[in-house]
N, C-alpha and C. Protein backbone atom coordinates (compact mmCIF):
# COMPACT_ATOMS: atom_id res chain seq x y z
N MET A 1 58.57 177.47 97.61
CA MET A 1 59.72 178.36 96.17
C MET A 1 58.57 178.61 95.98
N PHE A 2 59.05 180.17 95.81
CA PHE A 2 57.97 180.80 95.32
C PHE A 2 57.62 181.40 93.93
N ALA A 3 56.47 181.70 93.52
CA ALA A 3 56.35 182.24 91.80
C ALA A 3 58.00 183.15 91.27
N GLY A 4 58.60 182.52 90.40
CA GLY A 4 59.20 183.43 90.40
C GLY A 4 61.02 183.25 90.37
N GLU A 5 60.85 181.82 91.20
CA GLU A 5 62.70 182.13 91.89
C GLU A 5 62.85 180.67 91.32
N SER A 6 64.71 180.38 91.27
CA SER A 6 64.63 179.08 90.54
C SER A 6 65.67 178.59 91.57
N PHE A 7 65.94 177.05 90.92
CA PHE A 7 66.60 176.35 92.27
C PHE A 7 67.45 175.49 90.94
N HIS A 8 68.75 175.15 91.15
CA HIS A 8 69.72 173.63 90.34
C HIS A 8 68.98 172.39 91.00
N CYS A 9 68.51 171.85 89.86
CA CYS A 9 68.28 170.40 90.09
C CYS A 9 69.13 169.34 90.56
N GLN A 10 69.78 167.51 89.93
CA GLN A 10 70.19 167.39 90.82
C GLN A 10 71.24 167.26 89.34
N ASN A 11 70.91 167.36 88.22
CA ASN A 11 71.91 167.29 87.07
C ASN A 11 72.57 168.54 86.37
N GLY A 12 72.26 169.41 87.04
CA GLY A 12 72.94 170.78 86.79
C GLY A 12 72.14 171.84 86.11
N ARG A 13 70.75 171.62 85.67
CA ARG A 13 70.41 172.44 84.94
C ARG A 13 68.91 173.49 85.58
N MET A 14 68.74 174.21 85.50
CA MET A 14 68.05 175.35 86.19
C MET A 14 66.75 174.77 85.44
N ARG A 15 66.03 175.00 86.66
CA ARG A 15 64.48 174.99 85.80
C ARG A 15 63.39 176.10 87.07
N TYR A 16 62.80 176.94 86.17
CA TYR A 16 62.30 178.50 86.56
C TYR A 16 60.58 178.04 87.19
N PHE A 17 59.87 178.38 87.89
CA PHE A 17 58.69 178.54 88.05
C PHE A 17 57.72 179.56 88.13
N SER A 18 57.05 179.89 87.71
CA SER A 18 56.14 180.97 87.16
C SER A 18 55.03 180.89 87.84
N CYS A 19 54.81 180.03 88.31
CA CYS A 19 53.74 179.96 89.35
C CYS A 19 53.99 178.28 90.54
N PRO A 20 53.52 178.97 92.17
CA PRO A 20 53.89 178.33 92.56
C PRO A 20 53.49 176.35 93.25
N PHE A 21 52.81 176.48 91.88
CA PHE A 21 52.38 174.78 91.39
C PHE A 21 52.50 174.58 89.60
N PRO A 22 52.75 173.00 89.50
CA PRO A 22 53.24 172.82 88.85
C PRO A 22 51.99 172.57 87.42
N MET A 23 52.12 173.22 86.32
CA MET A 23 50.89 173.27 85.26
C MET A 23 50.28 172.22 85.31
N PRO A 24 49.22 171.81 83.95
CA PRO A 24 48.61 170.30 84.03
C PRO A 24 49.19 170.29 83.21
N LYS A 25 49.59 169.40 82.26
CA LYS A 25 50.12 169.60 80.75
C LYS A 25 48.47 169.40 79.87
N PRO A 26 48.74 170.12 78.58
CA PRO A 26 47.34 170.24 78.25
C PRO A 26 47.57 168.85 77.18
N ILE A 27 45.91 169.06 76.87
CA ILE A 27 46.13 167.41 76.15
C ILE A 27 46.83 167.53 74.94
N ALA A 28 47.22 165.92 74.46
CA ALA A 28 47.05 165.88 72.88
C ALA A 28 46.57 166.28 72.10
N ARG A 29 46.48 166.43 71.17
CA ARG A 29 45.89 166.70 69.99
C ARG A 29 46.53 165.05 69.09
N SER A 30 45.35 164.48 68.47
CA SER A 30 45.59 163.53 67.18
C SER A 30 46.29 164.59 66.06
N LYS A 31 47.10 163.91 65.30
CA LYS A 31 46.21 164.90 63.92
C LYS A 31 46.07 163.89 63.44
N THR A 32 45.88 164.09 62.10
CA THR A 32 45.55 163.39 61.03
C THR A 32 46.22 162.56 60.20
N ARG A 33 45.63 161.50 60.00
CA ARG A 33 47.33 160.90 58.99
C ARG A 33 46.82 161.12 57.95
N LYS A 34 47.65 161.58 56.91
CA LYS A 34 47.09 162.32 55.37
C LYS A 34 46.99 161.05 54.46
N SER A 35 47.43 159.95 54.84
CA SER A 35 47.76 159.01 53.64
C SER A 35 45.96 158.52 54.32
N VAL A 36 45.56 158.10 54.88
CA VAL A 36 44.34 157.75 55.17
C VAL A 36 43.22 159.40 54.73
N ALA A 37 43.54 160.25 55.22
CA ALA A 37 42.23 160.97 54.66
C ALA A 37 42.48 161.74 53.00
N LYS A 38 44.08 160.63 52.15
CA LYS A 38 43.40 160.89 50.34
C LYS A 38 42.98 159.81 50.42
N ARG A 39 42.94 158.87 50.94
CA ARG A 39 42.03 157.49 50.75
C ARG A 39 39.68 157.12 51.16
N PHE A 40 39.83 158.26 51.82
CA PHE A 40 38.60 158.24 53.08
C PHE A 40 37.72 159.00 52.68
N LYS A 41 36.97 159.19 52.66
CA LYS A 41 36.14 160.02 53.22
C LYS A 41 34.86 159.53 54.05
N VAL A 42 34.54 160.56 54.73
CA VAL A 42 33.64 160.68 55.90
C VAL A 42 32.64 161.34 55.22
N THR A 43 31.43 160.81 55.39
CA THR A 43 29.75 161.49 54.60
C THR A 43 29.36 163.06 56.23
N ALA A 44 28.11 163.09 54.95
CA ALA A 44 27.46 164.04 56.64
C ALA A 44 26.64 162.79 58.12
N GLY A 45 26.75 161.57 57.16
CA GLY A 45 25.91 161.12 58.21
C GLY A 45 27.09 160.26 59.45
N GLY A 46 28.37 160.35 58.94
CA GLY A 46 29.13 159.24 59.92
C GLY A 46 29.73 158.05 59.18
N LYS A 47 29.07 157.91 58.21
CA LYS A 47 29.15 156.66 57.04
C LYS A 47 30.78 157.03 55.95
N VAL A 48 32.05 156.14 56.17
CA VAL A 48 33.04 156.29 55.59
C VAL A 48 32.63 155.23 54.05
N MET A 49 33.41 156.16 53.68
CA MET A 49 33.80 155.92 51.47
C MET A 49 34.94 155.40 51.49
N ARG A 50 35.14 154.45 50.65
CA ARG A 50 36.30 154.22 49.91
C ARG A 50 36.17 154.18 48.18
N THR A 51 37.12 154.46 47.58
CA THR A 51 37.20 153.91 46.20
C THR A 51 37.49 152.70 46.16
N ARG A 52 37.06 151.86 44.86
CA ARG A 52 37.40 150.79 44.65
C ARG A 52 38.47 150.62 43.90
N GLY A 53 39.49 149.11 44.05
CA GLY A 53 40.74 149.18 43.51
C GLY A 53 40.39 148.18 42.11
N GLY A 54 41.44 148.60 41.02
CA GLY A 54 41.39 147.45 39.74
C GLY A 54 41.01 148.29 39.05
N ARG A 55 41.49 150.02 38.81
CA ARG A 55 40.99 150.79 37.72
C ARG A 55 42.59 151.28 37.04
N ARG A 56 43.33 151.24 38.12
CA ARG A 56 44.73 151.59 37.41
C ARG A 56 44.91 150.79 36.01
N HIS A 57 45.28 149.59 35.75
CA HIS A 57 45.95 149.26 35.01
C HIS A 57 45.40 148.01 33.84
N LEU A 58 45.92 147.44 32.68
CA LEU A 58 44.63 146.19 31.98
C LEU A 58 43.54 145.95 32.27
N LEU A 59 43.13 147.31 31.79
CA LEU A 59 41.75 147.73 31.49
C LEU A 59 41.21 147.45 30.55
N GLN A 60 42.17 147.10 29.30
CA GLN A 60 41.25 146.22 28.26
C GLN A 60 40.43 145.18 27.71
N CYS A 61 41.13 144.23 28.99
CA CYS A 61 40.37 143.13 29.07
C CYS A 61 39.28 142.83 30.07
N LYS A 62 38.90 144.46 30.62
CA LYS A 62 37.90 144.23 31.41
C LYS A 62 36.23 144.83 30.81
N SER A 63 35.34 144.79 31.32
CA SER A 63 34.10 145.06 30.35
C SER A 63 34.08 146.21 30.78
N GLY A 64 32.89 147.27 29.50
CA GLY A 64 32.84 148.47 29.73
C GLY A 64 31.81 148.34 31.16
N LYS A 65 30.70 147.91 31.12
CA LYS A 65 30.04 147.98 32.47
C LYS A 65 30.81 147.44 33.93
N ARG A 66 32.15 146.41 34.08
CA ARG A 66 32.72 146.83 35.30
C ARG A 66 33.69 147.79 35.68
N LYS A 67 33.34 148.55 34.12
CA LYS A 67 35.08 149.54 34.78
C LYS A 67 33.79 150.42 35.02
N ARG A 68 32.50 150.47 35.16
CA ARG A 68 32.23 151.70 35.43
C ARG A 68 30.97 151.89 36.77
N LYS A 69 31.53 150.42 37.43
CA LYS A 69 31.50 149.89 38.65
C LYS A 69 32.30 150.30 39.16
N LEU A 70 33.74 149.59 39.17
CA LEU A 70 35.12 149.97 39.50
C LEU A 70 35.23 151.46 39.95
N ALA A 71 34.37 152.54 39.17
CA ALA A 71 34.27 153.61 39.25
C ALA A 71 33.73 154.49 40.13
N LYS A 72 33.00 153.48 41.51
CA LYS A 72 32.19 153.91 42.01
C LYS A 72 32.26 154.14 42.93
N SER A 73 32.15 154.42 44.70
CA SER A 73 32.98 154.71 45.59
C SER A 73 31.77 153.60 46.55
N VAL A 74 32.46 152.91 47.32
CA VAL A 74 30.96 152.32 48.62
C VAL A 74 31.46 152.35 49.38
N LEU A 75 30.61 151.88 50.67
CA LEU A 75 30.60 151.98 52.26
C LEU A 75 31.97 151.46 52.37
N VAL A 76 32.73 151.61 53.59
CA VAL A 76 33.66 150.78 54.37
C VAL A 76 33.68 150.02 55.37
N HIS A 77 32.93 148.79 55.13
CA HIS A 77 33.17 147.43 55.91
C HIS A 77 33.32 147.69 57.40
N ASP A 78 31.86 147.17 58.99
CA ASP A 78 31.26 147.76 59.73
C ASP A 78 33.09 147.35 60.78
N ALA A 79 33.87 146.51 60.75
CA ALA A 79 34.71 146.11 61.09
C ALA A 79 36.24 146.75 61.11
N ASP A 80 36.20 148.06 59.77
CA ASP A 80 37.11 148.48 59.79
C ASP A 80 37.31 150.54 60.30
N VAL A 81 35.60 150.65 60.47
CA VAL A 81 35.12 151.99 60.63
C VAL A 81 36.47 152.76 61.40
N ALA A 82 35.90 152.11 62.61
CA ALA A 82 36.62 152.64 64.13
C ALA A 82 38.06 152.89 63.33
N ARG A 83 38.68 152.06 63.05
CA ARG A 83 40.05 152.45 62.83
C ARG A 83 39.95 153.57 62.35
N ILE A 84 39.38 153.42 61.80
CA ILE A 84 39.94 154.64 60.29
C ILE A 84 39.25 156.01 60.81
N LYS A 85 38.19 156.04 61.34
CA LYS A 85 38.04 157.23 62.02
C LYS A 85 38.72 157.70 62.81
N ALA A 86 39.75 157.04 63.66
CA ALA A 86 40.45 157.12 64.99
C ALA A 86 41.87 158.53 64.29
N ASN A 87 41.81 157.77 62.85
CA ASN A 87 43.17 158.48 61.61
C ASN A 87 42.64 159.39 61.18
N LEU A 88 41.49 159.70 61.37
CA LEU A 88 40.61 161.31 60.70
C LEU A 88 39.76 161.75 62.01
N PRO A 89 40.45 162.03 62.72
CA PRO A 89 40.07 163.18 64.22
C PRO A 89 39.45 164.22 64.00
N PHE A 90 39.32 164.94 62.70
CA PHE A 90 38.30 165.96 62.37
C PHE A 90 37.67 165.94 61.44
N ALA A 91 37.48 164.90 61.11
CA ALA A 91 36.32 164.74 60.27
C ALA A 91 35.16 163.94 61.21
């Protein structure tokens, strides 16, 4: 086969080659999981932060001190960091 020539495959479709050898496939980009991007933030040092749960409802039985603590972000446990960073490839 030369550049620009075509031939029929077994299934009857035409295949065209722009060069005499097959080009390598581009490496697939991994997409950002948007649900993960909304829940976690990566700091400049590479640590992963998350928000605490428990501040949506039933707040009148919780003390003010407890609600203030729940408002702050905390670090993600070391066991989960690799999975989260795999879903945030550009962070």
